[in-house]
Protein backbone atom coordinates (compact mmCIF):
# COMPACT_ATOMS: atom_id res chain seq x y z
CA MET A 1 0.00 0.00 0.00
CA ASN A 2 1.12 3.44 -0.82
CA PRO A 3 2.06 5.61 2.21
CA ILE A 4 0.00 8.53 0.87
CA THR A 5 -3.06 6.31 0.78
CA GLN A 6 -2.39 5.30 4.35
CA TYR A 7 -2.07 8.94 5.43
CA VAL A 8 -5.24 9.84 3.59
CA GLY A 9 -7.01 6.88 5.24
CA ILE A 10 -5.76 7.92 8.67
CA ALA A 11 -6.80 11.54 8.02
CA LEU A 12 -10.26 10.42 6.87
CA GLY A 13 -10.55 8.19 9.94
CA VAL A 14 -9.65 11.10 12.24
CA VAL A 15 -12.14 13.36 10.43
CA LEU A 16 -14.81 10.64 10.72
CA ILE A 17 -14.15 10.18 14.45
CA CYS A 18 -14.26 13.97 14.99
CA SER A 19 -17.48 14.15 12.99
CA LEU A 20 -19.13 11.34 14.98
CA THR A 21 -18.03 12.93 18.26
CA ALA A 22 -19.35 16.33 17.22
CA ASN A 23 -22.65 14.81 16.04
CA ALA A 24 -23.09 12.98 19.35
CA TYR A 25 -22.35 16.17 21.28
CA PHE A 26 -24.76 18.28 19.21
CA TRP A 27 -27.52 15.64 19.45
CA HIS A 28 -27.08 15.66 23.23
CA GLU A 29 -27.32 19.48 23.30
CA ARG A 30 -30.37 19.36 21.01
CA ASP A 31 -32.10 16.90 23.37
CA LYS A 32 -31.42 19.19 26.34
CA ALA A 33 -32.85 22.18 24.42
CA ILE A 34 -35.98 20.23 23.44
CA GLU A 35 -36.44 19.08 27.05
CA ALA A 36 -36.06 22.67 28.34
CA GLN A 37 -38.62 23.85 25.79
CA ALA A 38 -41.06 21.11 26.82
CA VAL A 39 -40.63 22.01 30.51
CA ALA A 40 -41.28 25.69 29.70
CA ARG A 41 -44.44 24.79 27.75
CA GLU A 42 -45.73 22.59 30.59
CA LEU A 43 -44.98 25.29 33.15
CA ASN A 44 -46.80 27.86 31.00
CA LYS A 45 -49.80 25.54 30.66
CA ASN A 46 -49.91 24.93 34.44
CA THR A 47 -49.58 28.65 35.16
CA LEU A 48 -52.45 29.48 32.80
CA ALA A 49 -54.62 26.79 34.40
CA ALA A 50 -53.89 28.14 37.90
CA ALA A 51 -54.61 31.70 36.77
CA SER A 52 -57.89 30.59 35.20
CA GLN A 53 -58.93 28.81 38.39
CA CYS A 54 -57.99 31.87 40.44
CA SER A 55 -60.04 34.12 38.15
CA GLU A 56 -63.03 31.81 38.44
CA SER A 57 -62.72 31.81 42.23
CA VAL A 58 -62.56 35.61 42.29
CA GLU A 59 -65.66 35.83 40.11
CA ALA A 60 -67.50 33.36 42.38
CA LEU A 61 -66.51 35.41 45.43
CA LYS A 62 -67.71 38.57 43.69
CA GLU A 63 -71.09 37.00 42.93
CA ASP A 64 -71.38 35.69 46.49
CA SER A 65 -70.54 39.11 47.92
CA VAL A 66 -73.22 40.74 45.76
CA LYS A 67 -75.78 38.18 46.98
CA ARG A 68 -74.66 38.68 50.58
CA GLY A 69 -74.81 42.46 50.22
CA LYS A 70 -78.34 42.24 48.83
CA ARG A 71 -79.40 39.91 51.64
CA LEU A 72 -77.93 42.26 54.26
CA GLU A 73 -79.65 45.25 52.64
CA ASP A 74 -82.96 43.38 52.83
CA LEU A 75 -82.37 42.47 56.47
CA MET A 76 -81.38 46.04 57.33
CA ALA A 77 -84.46 47.40 55.54
CA GLY A 78 -86.57 45.00 57.58
CA ILE A 79 -85.20 46.15 60.92
CA ALA A 80 -84.87 49.85 60.04
CA PRO A 81 -88.32 50.82 61.42
CA GLN A 82 -87.58 49.07 64.73
CA VAL A 83 -84.17 50.78 64.93
CA ARG A 84 -85.80 54.14 64.22
CA ARG A 85 -88.40 53.55 66.97
CA ASP A 86 -85.72 52.45 69.42
CA GLN A 87 -83.56 55.43 68.55
CA SER A 88 -86.38 57.92 68.97
CA SER A 89 -87.36 56.23 72.22
CA ALA A 90 -83.78 56.48 73.48
CA ILE A 91 -83.54 60.13 72.48
CA LYS A 92 -86.87 60.79 74.17
CA ALA A 93 -85.69 59.01 77.31
CA LEU A 94 -82.40 60.94 77.36
CA SER A 95 -84.13 64.27 76.83
CA ALA A 96 -86.95 63.62 79.27
CA THR A 97 -87.50 66.16 82.02
CA ALA A 98 -89.26 65.62 85.26
CA ASP A 99 -92.94 66.60 85.25
CA ASP A 100 -92.67 67.30 88.97
CA ALA A 101 -89.27 68.66 90.03
CA LYS A 102 -90.01 67.86 93.70
CA ASP A 103 -90.78 64.18 92.96
CA LEU A 104 -88.10 62.91 90.58
CA CYS A 105 -88.68 59.24 91.36
CA GLY A 106 -92.42 59.58 90.76
CA SER A 107 -91.76 61.42 87.49
CA LEU A 108 -89.44 58.66 86.36
CA ALA A 109 -91.94 55.98 87.31
CA ARG A 110 -94.73 57.75 85.37
CA PHE A 111 -92.41 58.14 82.38
CA TRP A 112 -91.53 54.44 82.30
CA ARG A 113 -95.16 53.42 82.78
CA GLY A 114 -96.01 55.50 79.71
CA GLU A 115 -93.17 53.88 77.74
CA ILE A 116 -94.26 50.39 78.79
CA LYS A 117 -97.87 51.17 77.82
CA ARG A 118 -96.74 52.49 74.43
CA ASP A 119 -94.56 49.38 73.85
CA ARG A 120 -97.42 47.08 74.73
CA GLU A 121 -99.62 48.86 72.22
CA LEU A 122 -96.97 48.45 69.53
CA PHE A 123 -96.06 44.90 70.51
CA PRO A 124 -98.97 43.24 72.31
CA PRO A 125 -97.95 40.26 74.46
CA GLU A 126 -98.95 36.85 73.23
CA GLN A 127 -102.05 35.46 74.90
CA PRO A 128 -101.41 32.21 76.77
CA GLN A 129 -103.13 29.29 75.15
CA GLU A 130 -105.44 27.18 77.17
CA VAL A 131 -104.28 23.69 77.91
CA LYS A 132 -107.02 21.16 77.34
CA PRO A 133 -106.97 18.18 79.71
């Protein structure tokens, strides 16, 4: 065999080995890049799903708060007359003056009797039911 042919064969063998090594290295790097891209896609998908669930929860809370607000408004409207009566009664009691300055206790007793009478007219007591033997 001719020495030049041997050198050319050796050179081609070295080039082939270098080529195979480089191909293996680049395939390995390509696999890592594809894996990183897949992880990023999965993370993005999970993040979007969590954000969607969070948005749905916020909307549900918003709807519940509107319902609760409406229910509280209805309850407050229902008790507003009673609160107004109690408030005016308290103001009247705080601003009450004695009808007889010499008999403060008697004035107070007459005042409370009048208040009790007025309350009984507004809220009559329930009549006891007869128990049949």
